[in-house]
Each structure stands twice: as structure tokens, then as C-alpha cells.
Amino acid sequence: MSNLELLKNEVFSIMKNDPAHDFEHIMRVYKNARIICKEEQVHEKLVLAAVLLHDVVSYPKSDQRSKLSSHESSEKSKQILKKHAFSVEEITIISDAIRDHSFSQGKIPKTIEGKIVQDADRLDALGAIGIARVFATGGQMGRPFYDSDDPFCKNRVPDDKIWTVDHFFQKLLRLESKMNTKSGKIEAEARTNVLKKFLNDLKNEI
């Protein structure tokens, strides 16, 4: 069994039953990363290892430790990778990619491996699956769908701690402009159009 298959098995045993950050999320990001890797000069094994481990620590969005998730995942990944015969140099590349991928960190990863992990993860926040994930998270946090006085943040600053639809304006619609790779940008544009259509349909219904 390859190192990546062994990692998959270990990650599967670690992941919690969080519909927005479960093992299926990992596998979708893995698929995204493989597609992007085909267009880039990169060590695919390192990218895919980072994808598998990027959410091994994932605090709920309502938890004050949420912003620490990527840093703690990075540290935990080092211990896991040592067990699977990754070199010190490989572990550094992988753990740095994990540390810097998070939107909340506001960082652009230094390596191409890190840039691909970030793009692949952000693509899973867009499109149809992105819509499903944002409402799953909103339901877990007990948030109303939208502010009935200003659902689409026309005259106020978005606050996704209170209303779920605000997350589109606070984060999701901004992701397309922050993609790192050419293929990531192309796919992000297509998936962002899905979000925009959803919001337009929602506007017609409420």
C-alpha cells in the first residue's frame, strides 16, 4: 500500500462527522488538487499528502480556537508524516502548505504546493457543494438564513456570525479573485457563477 493510501486510511479514522469538514470534503479537495497538479510543475505526492492532512484538526466555526485549526493541523501532520517515511524536507513543504492554506490566515503560500492546496480547498467552498456546506454550517450554528431587513448586505457590513447568507458576501464571493493558479482561477469563476445564480434566485423568492 502506498504512503498516500496509508495516509487516507489514517485520516479517515481521524475525521469527525462534520458535514462541512468531513472525509468527503477531504476527498473532494483531493480531486480538485489532482486536476490542478496536471497543469503545474509540482511534486504531486506532496500536494496530495498536504490535502489529506489539511483538516486533521478542525474546530467548529463557533469555537474561539477555529482560527488555530490550520496551525494545529500543520503540527499534527508532522507527527503523522514521520510514521510514513516522509523526509524532513518533504515534511516541511507539506506542513507549511497546511499552515498557510486557511482563508482566515490571510496568507499566500510561498510554495507552488501550498498554492495548489489553498486553491483546491477554496474550490470546495464554491459552486453547488459550497452552497450546501455554508447552509450545513449555518444550521449547526443555529443562524437564521438572512437578515430580513437587508438580506444581501446592500447597506451594511456582512456578519456571517449572525446570518448565513452574509457568508457569501464576507468570504465566498471574494475567493475567485484570490486564486493562485490558472486552472484554479478558471474553475473558481465557473463555481462563483453558480453562487451568483443562487443568490439571484433567492432574491426572487423572498
Protein backbone atom coordinates (compact mmCIF):
# COMPACT_ATOMS: atom_id res chain seq x y z
CA MET A 1 0.00 0.00 0.00
CA SER A 2 1.38 3.44 -0.97
CA ASN A 3 2.15 6.20 1.52
CA LEU A 4 -0.86 8.16 0.25
CA GLU A 5 -3.21 5.20 0.71
CA LEU A 6 -1.91 4.69 4.25
CA LEU A 7 -2.46 8.39 4.94
CA LYS A 8 -6.01 8.18 3.57
CA ASN A 9 -6.80 5.36 5.96
CA GLU A 10 -5.38 7.23 8.92
CA VAL A 11 -7.19 10.46 8.05
CA PHE A 12 -10.46 8.58 7.60
CA SER A 13 -10.14 7.33 11.19
CA ILE A 14 -9.43 10.85 12.48
CA MET A 15 -12.06 12.97 10.73
CA LYS A 16 -15.16 13.99 12.67
CA ASN A 17 -18.71 13.81 11.41
CA ASP A 18 -18.89 17.48 10.41
CA PRO A 19 -20.71 17.77 7.07
CA ALA A 20 -18.65 20.81 6.06
CA HIS A 21 -15.27 19.35 7.11
CA ASP A 22 -15.65 15.58 6.90
CA PHE A 23 -13.72 12.92 4.96
CA GLU A 24 -15.84 13.60 1.86
CA HIS A 25 -14.61 17.21 1.95
CA ILE A 26 -11.05 15.88 2.02
CA MET A 27 -11.73 13.66 -0.99
CA ARG A 28 -13.29 16.50 -2.99
CA VAL A 29 -10.29 18.73 -2.30
CA TYR A 30 -8.04 15.78 -3.25
CA LYS A 31 -9.83 15.54 -6.60
CA ASN A 32 -9.51 19.30 -7.16
CA ALA A 33 -5.81 19.17 -6.33
CA ARG A 34 -5.11 16.34 -8.77
CA ILE A 35 -6.75 18.31 -11.57
CA ILE A 36 -4.70 21.44 -10.79
CA CYS A 37 -1.47 19.42 -10.46
CA LYS A 38 -1.81 18.30 -14.07
CA GLU A 39 -1.33 21.92 -15.17
CA GLU A 40 1.56 22.77 -12.86
CA GLN A 41 5.20 21.71 -12.44
CA VAL A 42 4.88 20.25 -8.97
CA HIS A 43 5.59 17.21 -6.81
CA GLU A 44 2.05 15.81 -6.77
CA LYS A 45 2.67 13.42 -3.87
CA LEU A 46 3.49 16.33 -1.55
CA VAL A 47 0.40 18.27 -2.63
CA LEU A 48 -1.90 15.29 -2.09
CA ALA A 49 -0.36 14.45 1.28
CA ALA A 50 -0.97 18.04 2.39
CA VAL A 51 -4.57 17.86 1.17
CA LEU A 52 -5.20 14.67 3.11
CA LEU A 53 -3.89 16.23 6.32
CA HIS A 54 -5.06 19.84 5.96
CA ASP A 55 -8.05 19.46 8.29
CA VAL A 56 -6.85 16.80 10.77
CA VAL A 57 -7.57 19.42 13.43
CA SER A 58 -10.77 21.32 12.67
CA TYR A 59 -12.56 23.28 15.38
CA PRO A 60 -16.19 24.32 14.79
CA LYS A 61 -16.62 27.84 13.45
CA SER A 62 -18.35 28.76 16.71
CA ASP A 63 -15.24 27.75 18.69
CA GLN A 64 -12.79 30.52 19.60
CA ARG A 65 -9.98 28.15 18.58
CA SER A 66 -11.26 27.95 14.98
CA LYS A 67 -8.51 30.21 13.63
CA LEU A 68 -5.92 27.87 15.15
CA SER A 69 -7.11 24.86 13.15
CA SER A 70 -4.60 25.21 10.30
CA HIS A 71 -1.66 25.72 12.66
CA GLU A 72 -2.61 22.73 14.80
CA SER A 73 -3.22 20.61 11.68
CA SER A 74 0.26 21.58 10.49
CA GLU A 75 1.84 20.47 13.75
CA LYS A 76 -0.14 17.24 13.94
CA SER A 77 0.74 16.45 10.32
CA LYS A 78 4.45 16.42 11.18
CA GLN A 79 3.95 13.58 13.64
CA ILE A 80 1.80 11.60 11.22
CA LEU A 81 4.17 12.07 8.28
CA LYS A 82 7.15 10.83 10.28
CA LYS A 83 5.37 7.49 10.65
CA HIS A 84 5.02 7.19 6.87
CA ALA A 85 8.65 7.68 5.90
CA PHE A 86 8.46 11.22 4.54
CA SER A 87 11.77 13.08 4.59
CA VAL A 88 12.43 16.15 6.73
CA GLU A 89 12.36 18.35 3.62
CA GLU A 90 9.08 16.83 2.44
CA ILE A 91 7.51 17.24 5.87
CA THR A 92 8.48 20.92 5.90
CA ILE A 93 6.89 21.56 2.49
CA ILE A 94 3.70 19.69 3.45
CA SER A 95 3.29 21.19 6.91
CA ASP A 96 3.94 24.73 5.65
CA ALA A 97 1.28 24.26 2.95
CA ILE A 98 -1.20 23.14 5.60
CA ARG A 99 -0.34 26.01 7.95
CA ASP A 100 -0.83 28.68 5.29
CA HIS A 101 -3.87 27.37 3.37
CA SER A 102 -6.61 28.81 5.58
CA PHE A 103 -8.63 31.84 4.43
CA SER A 104 -8.64 33.22 7.96
CA GLN A 105 -4.82 33.36 7.96
CA GLY A 106 -4.88 35.78 5.03
CA LYS A 107 -1.66 34.34 3.61
CA ILE A 108 -0.47 33.45 0.13
CA PRO A 109 1.61 30.25 0.45
CA LYS A 110 5.23 30.59 -0.66
CA THR A 111 5.47 27.25 -2.46
CA ILE A 112 3.55 26.02 -5.50
CA GLU A 113 2.49 23.03 -3.40
CA GLY A 114 0.93 25.38 -0.86
CA LYS A 115 -0.74 27.46 -3.56
CA ILE A 116 -2.39 24.37 -5.06
CA VAL A 117 -3.61 23.13 -1.67
CA GLN A 118 -5.12 26.55 -0.99
CA ASP A 119 -6.82 26.69 -4.39
CA ALA A 120 -8.15 23.14 -4.17
CA ASP A 121 -9.61 23.79 -0.72
CA ARG A 122 -11.19 27.09 -1.76
CA LEU A 123 -12.87 25.47 -4.76
CA ASP A 124 -14.82 23.26 -2.34
CA ALA A 125 -16.28 26.42 -0.79
CA LEU A 126 -17.74 27.43 -4.16
CA GLY A 127 -20.35 26.05 -6.53
CA ALA A 128 -23.21 23.75 -5.56
CA ILE A 129 -21.20 21.98 -2.86
CA GLY A 130 -20.18 25.34 -1.42
CA ILE A 131 -23.84 26.31 -1.05
CA ALA A 132 -24.57 23.02 0.69
CA ARG A 133 -21.63 23.45 3.04
CA VAL A 134 -22.43 27.01 4.05
CA PHE A 135 -26.01 26.14 4.98
CA ALA A 136 -24.90 22.99 6.81
CA THR A 137 -22.57 25.14 8.90
CA GLY A 138 -25.25 27.78 9.41
CA GLY A 139 -27.64 25.11 10.65
CA GLN A 140 -25.07 23.74 13.09
CA MET A 141 -24.56 27.23 14.48
CA GLY A 142 -28.28 27.97 14.68
CA ARG A 143 -28.04 31.02 12.42
CA PRO A 144 -31.05 32.41 10.52
CA PHE A 145 -30.72 32.25 6.73
CA TYR A 146 -30.66 36.02 6.24
CA ASP A 147 -31.38 39.45 7.68
CA SER A 148 -34.94 40.16 6.58
CA ASP A 149 -34.28 43.92 6.51
CA ASP A 150 -31.24 43.66 4.23
CA PRO A 151 -30.70 40.05 3.04
CA PHE A 152 -27.92 40.87 0.56
CA CYS A 153 -25.86 43.34 2.58
CA LYS A 154 -26.67 46.35 0.45
CA ASN A 155 -26.45 48.86 3.28
CA ARG A 156 -24.46 47.10 5.99
CA VAL A 157 -21.25 45.20 6.62
CA PRO A 158 -21.74 41.41 6.25
CA ASP A 159 -21.67 39.46 9.51
CA ASP A 160 -21.69 35.70 8.99
CA LYS A 161 -21.64 35.06 12.73
CA ILE A 162 -25.29 36.14 12.69
CA TRP A 163 -26.71 35.35 9.23
CA THR A 164 -25.76 32.52 6.87
CA VAL A 165 -26.25 34.38 3.56
CA ASP A 166 -23.79 37.02 4.80
CA HIS A 167 -21.04 34.41 4.38
CA PHE A 168 -21.41 34.70 0.60
CA PHE A 169 -20.51 38.40 0.81
CA GLN A 170 -17.99 38.15 3.63
CA LYS A 171 -15.97 35.32 2.06
CA LEU A 172 -17.27 33.17 -0.79
CA LEU A 173 -17.69 35.81 -3.49
CA ARG A 174 -14.17 37.06 -2.73
CA LEU A 175 -12.44 33.74 -3.33
CA GLU A 176 -12.33 33.91 -7.13
CA SER A 177 -10.01 36.93 -7.06
CA LYS A 178 -7.69 35.23 -4.57
CA MET A 179 -6.93 32.04 -6.52
CA ASN A 180 -3.27 31.30 -7.20
CA THR A 181 -3.19 29.06 -10.27
CA LYS A 182 -4.57 29.50 -13.77
CA SER A 183 -6.70 26.34 -13.67
CA GLY A 184 -7.87 27.26 -10.18
CA LYS A 185 -9.00 30.67 -11.39
CA ILE A 186 -10.92 29.18 -14.33
CA GLU A 187 -12.79 26.70 -12.14
CA ALA A 188 -13.41 29.31 -9.44
CA GLU A 189 -15.05 31.60 -11.98
CA ALA A 190 -17.43 28.84 -13.07
CA ARG A 191 -18.31 27.93 -9.49
CA THR A 192 -18.73 31.56 -8.45
CA ASN A 193 -21.30 31.93 -11.22
CA VAL A 194 -23.27 29.14 -9.51
CA LEU A 195 -23.26 31.17 -6.29
CA LYS A 196 -24.39 34.31 -8.10
CA LYS A 197 -27.24 32.47 -9.79
CA PHE A 198 -28.32 31.03 -6.44
CA LEU A 199 -28.35 34.48 -4.83
CA ASN A 200 -30.36 35.88 -7.74
CA ASP A 201 -32.86 33.02 -7.46
CA LEU A 202 -33.06 33.57 -3.71
CA LYS A 203 -33.72 37.28 -4.28
CA ASN A 204 -36.68 36.36 -6.50
CA GLU A 205 -38.13 34.06 -3.85
CA ILE A 206 -38.01 36.14 -0.68
